[in-house]
């Protein structure tokens, strides 16, 4: 890791030296200058400071033997053995990348009473499922779960580790990555692998305004988390191919300072992530009462209502209905956006949809760049017109869906 060294004997004017940094990263402590966490490594102090006072030092990267690390492991996200579908999506991506570099695909399954469910993973392209079935793993607690993940990595040394961007996944992935002093890229939208096994990790950055390309060439394993509905799961094979391996771990490593007193089941609600048809209300909706026409159109299509961030901030819709980087990622068969401008933050959460129909009166709206079909016009005229045609039978739901499928 690069750093800037201050040679104190070369600094004559402390105040002038402090003023060199536009980020306030040079501070005086006990009569000496120090570099604080605000440093951006811009090297202005090196270039413009007193000669020899500031020195930029870049540590030489430690070379690793990449041949010692082999395999792509997917963390199996589950609740009491019920596997989250993001796991199957990650297995599909793992299989694709592993085939390029001739590596095996592993699944890491930890919990209590889960052995019977492990075989199901073999129907989706996993070469070997490693099962840690322990009473201490019944409820998710970060210390024992991280210890098991660490134990597996030391056992098999996988080159790549994929974790779902769920509440549990976002908790365990950074802790395990830190134990191996390796990199972790969160919420990747594109993953690929190079011939030398370096993982290409691409994700939106700076509020979605750019796509950052991240890789970890000098550390293993390479960690990435991915949201649900970003990738596509493989079709389930009729026969299971692969093996299930039971693993043991010392009980003292499963110790935890957390005691689970009670587990309360959350009320199950329909999630927009699982909807096949979604109608999205955008900023063009002028008042909360006007959402009724969006809801009516969604009902006629057998779909769900979603929205963009401004409507959440207005308090008109449940926050769980928001699509985008700060909301949910969806991949329905049909999505109709109503008065949505098409900010990159929103598009990143729905651009993998099978069919995108955009309605906007601004013909230059960004949303049309992502849409398969565009309708230029006022949502207050077009949506009631669509509803009328659906109700009269002039436009059938089946015809619309079949046209989308074609």
Protein backbone atom coordinates (compact mmCIF):
# COMPACT_ATOMS: atom_id res chain seq x y z
CA UNK A 1 0.00 0.00 0.00
CA UNK A 2 1.35 3.44 -0.95
CA UNK A 3 2.08 6.09 1.67
CA UNK A 4 3.66 9.52 2.08
CA UNK A 5 6.60 9.95 4.43
CA UNK A 6 7.37 13.33 5.96
CA UNK A 7 11.03 14.17 6.58
CA UNK A 8 10.54 16.58 9.46
CA UNK A 9 14.04 18.08 9.29
CA UNK A 10 13.29 19.44 5.80
CA UNK A 11 10.19 21.33 6.95
CA UNK A 12 10.87 24.91 8.02
CA UNK A 13 7.41 26.52 7.96
CA UNK A 14 4.79 24.16 9.47
CA UNK A 15 1.81 26.35 8.56
CA UNK A 16 2.92 26.68 4.95
CA UNK A 17 3.40 22.91 4.74
CA UNK A 18 -0.07 22.26 6.17
CA UNK A 19 -1.58 24.64 3.63
CA UNK A 20 -0.19 22.57 0.76
CA UNK A 21 -2.95 19.95 1.09
CA UNK A 22 -6.38 20.97 -0.29
CA UNK A 23 -7.97 18.10 1.65
CA UNK A 24 -6.60 19.04 5.07
CA UNK A 25 -4.66 15.79 5.30
CA UNK A 26 -1.52 17.39 6.77
CA UNK A 27 -1.86 18.20 10.46
CA UNK A 28 0.44 19.29 13.26
CA UNK A 29 0.66 17.04 16.33
CA UNK A 30 3.17 17.83 19.07
CA UNK A 31 5.15 20.14 16.85
CA UNK A 32 5.47 17.57 14.05
CA UNK A 33 3.55 17.07 10.82
CA UNK A 34 1.53 13.92 10.19
CA UNK A 35 -0.59 12.61 7.34
CA UNK A 36 -4.16 11.75 8.37
CA UNK A 37 -6.89 9.61 6.80
CA UNK A 38 -8.05 12.47 4.54
CA UNK A 39 -5.03 11.92 2.28
CA UNK A 40 -6.00 11.20 -1.37
CA UNK A 41 -2.47 10.35 -2.51
CA UNK A 42 -2.63 13.24 -4.98
CA UNK A 43 1.08 13.97 -4.31
CA UNK A 44 0.61 17.76 -4.37
CA UNK A 45 2.70 17.98 -1.19
CA UNK A 46 5.49 16.01 -2.87
CA UNK A 47 5.50 18.22 -5.97
CA UNK A 48 4.94 21.62 -4.37
CA UNK A 49 6.39 21.20 -0.88
CA UNK A 50 9.92 21.96 0.32
CA UNK A 51 12.49 19.87 -1.51
CA UNK A 52 12.89 16.46 0.15
CA UNK A 53 10.23 17.15 2.82
CA UNK A 54 7.53 14.83 1.43
CA UNK A 55 8.28 11.45 -0.14
CA UNK A 56 5.82 9.17 -1.90
CA UNK A 57 6.60 5.51 -1.23
CA UNK A 58 4.79 2.68 -2.99
CA UNK A 59 5.23 -0.71 -1.41
CA UNK A 60 6.05 -3.53 -3.79
CA UNK A 61 3.16 -5.91 -4.25
CA UNK A 62 3.69 -9.37 -2.83
CA UNK A 63 3.52 -11.97 -5.57
CA UNK A 64 1.33 -15.00 -4.89
CA UNK A 65 1.27 -18.38 -6.52
CA UNK A 66 -2.11 -18.33 -8.23
CA UNK A 67 -1.78 -22.01 -9.13
CA UNK A 68 -2.24 -22.84 -5.43
CA UNK A 69 -5.71 -21.32 -5.49
CA UNK A 70 -8.27 -23.21 -7.52
CA UNK A 71 -12.04 -23.23 -7.67
CA UNK A 72 -15.04 -20.90 -7.48
CA UNK A 73 -17.02 -21.22 -4.27
CA UNK A 74 -20.58 -19.97 -3.76
CA UNK A 75 -21.82 -19.32 -0.24
CA UNK A 76 -25.22 -20.98 0.17
CA UNK A 77 -27.55 -18.35 1.63
CA UNK A 78 -30.49 -19.97 3.40
CA UNK A 79 -32.96 -19.74 6.27
CA UNK A 80 -33.46 -23.04 8.09
CA UNK A 81 -32.40 -24.95 4.99
CA UNK A 82 -34.60 -23.01 2.56
CA UNK A 83 -32.07 -21.84 -0.02
CA UNK A 84 -32.31 -18.25 -1.23
CA UNK A 85 -32.65 -18.11 -5.05
CA UNK A 86 -29.66 -15.74 -5.33
CA UNK A 87 -27.55 -18.82 -4.54
CA UNK A 88 -28.67 -20.56 -7.73
CA UNK A 89 -27.99 -17.42 -9.76
CA UNK A 90 -24.45 -17.24 -8.38
CA UNK A 91 -23.90 -20.94 -9.11
CA UNK A 92 -24.84 -20.27 -12.74
CA UNK A 93 -22.28 -17.46 -12.98
CA UNK A 94 -19.69 -19.56 -11.11
CA UNK A 95 -20.17 -22.41 -13.57
CA UNK A 96 -19.71 -20.07 -16.52
CA UNK A 97 -16.46 -18.60 -15.15
CA UNK A 98 -15.09 -21.90 -13.85
CA UNK A 99 -15.49 -23.51 -17.28
CA UNK A 100 -13.34 -20.74 -18.81
CA UNK A 101 -10.39 -21.44 -16.51
CA UNK A 102 -10.98 -25.18 -15.97
CA UNK A 103 -11.74 -24.81 -12.26
CA UNK A 104 -14.29 -26.70 -10.14
CA UNK A 105 -17.40 -25.08 -8.65
CA UNK A 106 -17.90 -25.51 -4.92
CA UNK A 107 -20.89 -24.72 -2.72
CA UNK A 108 -20.35 -23.92 0.96
CA UNK A 109 -23.42 -24.93 2.96
CA UNK A 110 -23.42 -24.31 6.72
CA UNK A 111 -26.20 -24.63 9.26
CA UNK A 112 -28.01 -27.21 11.36
CA UNK A 113 -30.10 -30.06 9.98
CA UNK A 114 -29.28 -29.11 6.40
CA UNK A 115 -27.62 -32.26 5.11
CA UNK A 116 -30.72 -33.45 3.23
CA UNK A 117 -30.98 -30.20 1.24
CA UNK A 118 -27.36 -30.29 0.09
CA UNK A 119 -28.02 -32.79 -2.68
CA UNK A 120 -30.37 -30.32 -4.43
CA UNK A 121 -27.42 -28.07 -5.25
CA UNK A 122 -25.87 -30.82 -7.37
CA UNK A 123 -28.70 -30.41 -9.88
CA UNK A 124 -27.44 -26.92 -10.80
CA UNK A 125 -23.84 -27.51 -11.87
CA UNK A 126 -21.97 -27.70 -8.56
CA UNK A 127 -19.06 -30.14 -8.56
CA UNK A 128 -18.82 -30.51 -4.78
CA UNK A 129 -20.96 -29.32 -1.88
CA UNK A 130 -19.14 -28.87 1.43
CA UNK A 131 -21.54 -29.22 4.34
CA UNK A 132 -20.89 -28.02 7.89
CA UNK A 133 -23.89 -29.36 9.84
CA UNK A 134 -23.56 -28.30 13.48
CA UNK A 135 -26.04 -27.46 16.22
CA UNK A 136 -24.06 -24.27 16.94
CA UNK A 137 -24.87 -23.09 13.40
CA UNK A 138 -28.64 -23.35 13.82
CA UNK A 139 -29.13 -19.58 14.03
CA UNK A 140 -26.95 -17.12 12.15
CA UNK A 141 -24.30 -15.66 14.40
CA UNK A 142 -21.41 -13.96 12.75
CA UNK A 143 -18.51 -15.43 14.76
CA UNK A 144 -19.13 -19.15 14.12
CA UNK A 145 -20.29 -18.58 10.53
CA UNK A 146 -17.16 -16.57 9.73
CA UNK A 147 -15.03 -19.24 11.41
CA UNK A 148 -16.56 -21.95 9.21
CA UNK A 149 -16.03 -19.88 6.07
CA UNK A 150 -12.41 -19.32 7.08
CA UNK A 151 -11.96 -23.04 7.76
CA UNK A 152 -13.26 -23.93 4.31
CA UNK A 153 -10.99 -21.46 2.53
CA UNK A 154 -7.94 -22.83 4.33
CA UNK A 155 -9.08 -26.35 3.39
CA UNK A 156 -9.75 -25.87 -0.35
CA UNK A 157 -8.09 -22.52 -1.21
CA UNK A 158 -10.67 -21.33 -3.78
CA UNK A 159 -9.56 -18.58 -6.14
CA UNK A 160 -12.96 -16.83 -6.16
CA UNK A 161 -15.71 -16.57 -3.53
CA UNK A 162 -19.20 -15.38 -4.50
CA UNK A 163 -21.71 -14.29 -1.86
CA UNK A 164 -25.30 -13.10 -2.31
CA UNK A 165 -25.97 -9.45 -1.51
CA UNK A 166 -28.48 -10.33 1.21
CA UNK A 167 -28.50 -9.18 4.81
CA UNK A 168 -26.50 -12.24 5.86
CA UNK A 169 -24.21 -12.15 2.83
CA UNK A 170 -23.31 -8.51 3.38
CA UNK A 171 -22.46 -9.33 6.97
CA UNK A 172 -20.27 -12.39 6.49
CA UNK A 173 -18.38 -11.53 3.28
CA UNK A 174 -16.39 -8.51 4.55
CA UNK A 175 -15.47 -10.25 7.80
CA UNK A 176 -14.05 -13.29 6.03
CA UNK A 177 -12.30 -11.18 3.39
CA UNK A 178 -10.64 -9.18 6.19
CA UNK A 179 -9.33 -12.40 7.77
CA UNK A 180 -7.44 -13.13 4.56
CA UNK A 181 -6.47 -9.49 3.95
CA UNK A 182 -7.98 -9.68 0.50
CA UNK A 183 -10.29 -7.49 -1.54
CA UNK A 184 -14.09 -7.50 -1.59
CA UNK A 185 -16.24 -5.77 -4.20
CA UNK A 186 -19.85 -5.28 -3.15
CA UNK A 187 -22.94 -5.27 -5.38
CA UNK A 188 -21.22 -6.30 -8.61
CA UNK A 189 -23.37 -6.12 -11.73
CA UNK A 190 -20.87 -7.79 -14.10
CA UNK A 191 -18.39 -10.56 -13.33
CA UNK A 192 -15.88 -12.23 -15.60
CA UNK A 193 -12.58 -14.05 -15.19
CA UNK A 194 -9.29 -13.71 -17.03
CA UNK A 195 -7.14 -16.60 -18.18
CA UNK A 196 -4.77 -16.00 -15.24
CA UNK A 197 -7.78 -16.42 -12.85
CA UNK A 198 -7.98 -12.70 -11.97
CA UNK A 199 -11.63 -11.79 -11.37
CA UNK A 200 -13.06 -8.84 -13.32
CA UNK A 201 -15.47 -7.11 -10.96
CA UNK A 202 -17.62 -4.32 -12.37
CA UNK A 203 -20.06 -2.26 -10.33
CA UNK A 204 -21.65 1.21 -10.37
CA UNK A 205 -19.71 3.87 -8.46
CA UNK A 206 -20.11 7.54 -7.55
CA UNK A 207 -23.87 7.24 -7.31
CA UNK A 208 -24.08 5.17 -10.45
CA UNK A 209 -22.46 7.80 -12.67
CA UNK A 210 -19.57 5.55 -13.67
CA UNK A 211 -18.93 1.81 -13.84
CA UNK A 212 -15.86 0.88 -11.79
CA UNK A 213 -13.69 -2.02 -13.01
CA UNK A 214 -12.03 -3.62 -9.99
CA UNK A 215 -9.62 -6.52 -9.75
CA UNK A 216 -7.43 -8.10 -7.06
CA UNK A 217 -4.30 -9.42 -8.79
CA UNK A 218 -2.09 -9.91 -5.73
CA UNK A 219 -4.46 -11.50 -3.21
CA UNK A 220 -6.60 -14.61 -2.94
CA UNK A 221 -9.38 -15.47 -2.62
CA UNK A 222 -11.20 -12.77 -4.57
CA UNK A 223 -14.50 -11.88 -2.90
CA UNK A 224 -17.58 -10.38 -4.57
CA UNK A 225 -21.18 -9.91 -3.47
CA UNK A 226 -24.02 -9.78 -5.99
CA UNK A 227 -27.63 -8.77 -5.55
CA UNK A 228 -30.57 -11.02 -6.30
CA UNK A 229 -31.84 -10.89 -9.90
CA UNK A 230 -28.55 -9.73 -11.43
CA UNK A 231 -27.61 -13.09 -12.97
CA UNK A 232 -29.66 -15.98 -14.33
CA UNK A 233 -29.84 -19.40 -12.68
CA UNK A 234 -29.16 -22.48 -14.79
CA UNK A 235 -31.96 -24.88 -15.57
CA UNK A 236 -32.28 -27.66 -13.00
CA UNK A 237 -30.85 -30.93 -14.28
CA UNK A 238 -32.87 -34.09 -13.80
CA UNK A 239 -29.91 -35.92 -12.34
CA UNK A 240 -27.53 -34.81 -9.62
CA UNK A 241 -23.90 -34.62 -10.73
CA UNK A 242 -21.18 -34.13 -8.16
CA UNK A 243 -20.52 -35.10 -4.56
CA UNK A 244 -21.51 -33.94 -1.09
CA UNK A 245 -18.68 -33.77 1.47
CA UNK A 246 -19.34 -33.56 5.19
CA UNK A 247 -16.86 -31.35 7.04
CA UNK A 248 -15.91 -31.16 10.71
CA UNK A 249 -14.70 -28.18 12.68
CA UNK A 250 -13.46 -27.88 16.25
CA UNK A 251 -16.34 -26.93 18.55
CA UNK A 252 -14.36 -24.24 20.32
CA UNK A 253 -14.15 -22.36 17.02
CA UNK A 254 -17.95 -22.13 16.98
CA UNK A 255 -18.08 -20.20 20.25
CA UNK A 256 -19.98 -16.93 20.17
CA UNK A 257 -20.67 -14.04 22.51
CA UNK A 258 -24.12 -13.72 20.94
CA UNK A 259 -27.08 -15.65 22.35
CA UNK A 260 -30.20 -15.97 20.22
CA UNK A 261 -33.12 -15.70 22.65
CA UNK A 262 -35.95 -15.82 20.15
CA UNK A 263 -36.50 -15.83 16.40
CA UNK A 264 -39.57 -13.99 15.16
CA UNK A 265 -40.77 -14.75 11.67
CA UNK A 266 -41.27 -11.70 9.49
CA UNK A 267 -44.60 -11.37 7.77
CA UNK A 268 -44.19 -12.59 4.22
CA UNK A 269 -45.01 -9.96 1.62
CA UNK A 270 -45.01 -10.02 -2.15
CA UNK A 271 -41.62 -8.88 -3.34
CA UNK A 272 -41.16 -6.91 -6.55
CA UNK A 273 -38.00 -8.95 -7.10
CA UNK A 274 -40.14 -12.01 -7.80
CA UNK A 275 -42.78 -10.25 -9.94
CA UNK A 276 -43.07 -11.19 -13.61
CA UNK A 277 -44.84 -7.93 -14.49
CA UNK A 278 -44.04 -4.55 -12.92
CA UNK A 279 -45.57 -1.11 -13.51
CA UNK A 280 -43.28 1.68 -12.27
CA UNK A 281 -44.50 5.10 -11.14
CA UNK A 282 -42.02 7.91 -11.73
CA UNK A 283 -41.65 11.58 -10.93
CA UNK A 284 -44.34 12.48 -13.48
CA UNK A 285 -47.03 11.25 -11.05
CA UNK A 286 -48.21 14.52 -9.56
CA UNK A 287 -50.05 13.40 -6.42
CA UNK A 288 -50.50 10.28 -4.32
CA UNK A 289 -54.11 9.75 -5.42
CA UNK A 290 -52.93 9.37 -9.02
CA UNK A 291 -51.15 6.17 -8.08
CA UNK A 292 -54.55 4.47 -8.33
CA UNK A 293 -54.27 4.35 -12.13
CA UNK A 294 -50.81 2.76 -11.82
CA UNK A 295 -52.21 0.17 -9.40
CA UNK A 296 -55.18 -0.51 -11.69
CA UNK A 297 -52.94 -1.10 -14.69
CA UNK A 298 -50.72 -3.42 -12.64
CA UNK A 299 -53.76 -5.37 -11.41
CA UNK A 300 -55.08 -5.82 -14.94
CA UNK A 301 -51.69 -7.18 -16.02
CA UNK A 302 -51.38 -9.41 -12.98
CA UNK A 303 -48.32 -7.52 -11.83
CA UNK A 304 -47.01 -5.32 -9.05
CA UNK A 305 -46.45 -1.60 -8.58
CA UNK A 306 -42.97 -0.19 -8.07
CA UNK A 307 -41.56 3.33 -8.02
CA UNK A 308 -38.50 5.56 -8.19
CA UNK A 309 -36.80 7.32 -5.29
CA UNK A 310 -38.72 10.66 -5.33
CA UNK A 311 -41.99 8.86 -4.54
CA UNK A 312 -40.37 7.04 -1.62
CA UNK A 313 -39.05 10.32 -0.27
CA UNK A 314 -42.53 11.80 -0.60
CA UNK A 315 -43.84 8.94 1.55
CA UNK A 316 -46.33 7.77 -1.07
CA UNK A 317 -45.16 4.15 -1.42
CA UNK A 318 -43.50 1.53 0.78
CA UNK A 319 -39.70 1.78 0.49
CA UNK A 320 -39.57 -1.92 -0.43
CA UNK A 321 -41.14 -0.98 -3.77
CA UNK A 322 -38.23 1.18 -4.90
CA UNK A 323 -36.14 0.05 -7.88
CA UNK A 324 -32.51 1.12 -8.26
CA UNK A 325 -29.11 1.15 -6.61
CA UNK A 326 -30.60 2.30 -3.31
CA UNK A 327 -33.62 0.01 -3.74
CA UNK A 328 -34.26 -3.40 -5.27
CA UNK A 329 -32.93 -5.08 -8.40
CA UNK A 330 -35.61 -6.67 -10.58
CA UNK A 331 -35.69 -8.81 -13.71
CA UNK A 332 -39.36 -9.27 -14.72
CA UNK A 333 -40.66 -10.51 -18.05
CA UNK A 334 -42.35 -7.14 -18.57
CA UNK A 335 -41.75 -3.75 -16.97
CA UNK A 336 -43.66 -0.58 -17.87
CA UNK A 337 -42.15 2.68 -16.66
CA UNK A 338 -44.58 5.57 -16.33
CA UNK A 339 -43.00 9.01 -16.30
CA UNK A 340 -39.57 7.74 -15.29
CA UNK A 341 -36.67 9.88 -16.51
CA UNK A 342 -34.17 7.00 -16.57
CA UNK A 343 -31.40 8.04 -14.18
CA UNK A 344 -28.54 5.54 -14.27
CA UNK A 345 -29.21 4.64 -10.61
CA UNK A 346 -32.71 3.47 -11.58
CA UNK A 347 -31.71 1.78 -14.84
CA UNK A 348 -29.04 -0.26 -13.05
CA UNK A 349 -31.81 -1.89 -11.04
CA UNK A 350 -33.98 -3.01 -13.98
CA UNK A 351 -32.01 -3.09 -17.23
CA UNK A 352 -31.91 -6.90 -17.29
CA UNK A 353 -35.70 -7.11 -17.69
CA UNK A 354 -36.92 -9.22 -20.62
CA UNK A 355 -39.06 -6.41 -22.05
CA UNK A 356 -38.99 -2.72 -21.09
CA UNK A 357 -41.78 -0.38 -22.21
CA UNK A 358 -41.18 3.28 -21.37
CA UNK A 359 -43.83 6.03 -21.31
CA UNK A 360 -42.54 9.60 -21.15
CA UNK A 361 -43.55 12.88 -22.77
CA UNK A 362 -39.92 13.94 -23.15
CA UNK A 363 -38.66 12.29 -26.33
CA UNK A 364 -35.06 12.85 -25.13
CA UNK A 365 -35.59 11.08 -21.80
CA UNK A 366 -32.73 8.76 -20.91
CA UNK A 367 -35.11 5.89 -20.19
CA UNK A 368 -35.69 5.41 -23.93
CA UNK A 369 -32.05 4.33 -24.30
CA UNK A 370 -32.75 1.32 -22.06
CA UNK A 371 -36.26 0.58 -23.33
CA UNK A 372 -37.19 -1.99 -25.96
CA UNK A 373 -40.34 0.00 -26.79
CA UNK A 374 -41.00 3.69 -26.18
CA UNK A 375 -44.26 5.65 -26.04
CA UNK A 376 -43.89 9.43 -26.20
CA UNK A 377 -46.80 11.10 -24.46
CA UNK A 378 -48.46 12.16 -21.22
CA UNK A 379 -48.90 9.32 -18.71
CA UNK A 380 -52.23 10.89 -17.70
CA UNK A 381 -53.52 10.20 -21.21
CA UNK A 382 -51.71 6.97 -22.13
CA UNK A 383 -52.29 4.95 -18.94
CA UNK A 384 -56.07 5.52 -18.79
CA UNK A 385 -56.14 4.65 -22.50
CA UNK A 386 -54.31 1.35 -21.86
CA UNK A 387 -56.65 0.57 -18.97
CA UNK A 388 -59.70 1.26 -21.16
CA UNK A 389 -58.42 -1.00 -23.96
CA UNK A 390 -57.66 -3.81 -21.51
CA UNK A 391 -61.10 -3.56 -19.91
CA UNK A 392 -62.95 -3.42 -23.23
CA UNK A 393 -61.07 -6.38 -24.60
CA UNK A 394 -59.61 -4.32 -27.46
CA UNK A 395 -56.22 -5.16 -25.97
CA UNK A 396 -55.94 -8.45 -24.12
CA UNK A 397 -53.50 -9.25 -21.38
CA UNK A 398 -52.66 -12.52 -23.12
CA UNK A 399 -51.92 -10.75 -26.43
CA UNK A 400 -49.68 -8.24 -24.69
CA UNK A 401 -47.78 -10.95 -22.80
CA UNK A 402 -47.41 -13.14 -25.89
CA UNK A 403 -46.12 -10.16 -27.89
CA UNK A 404 -43.56 -9.54 -25.14
CA UNK A 405 -42.49 -13.19 -25.14
CA UNK A 406 -41.97 -13.10 -28.90
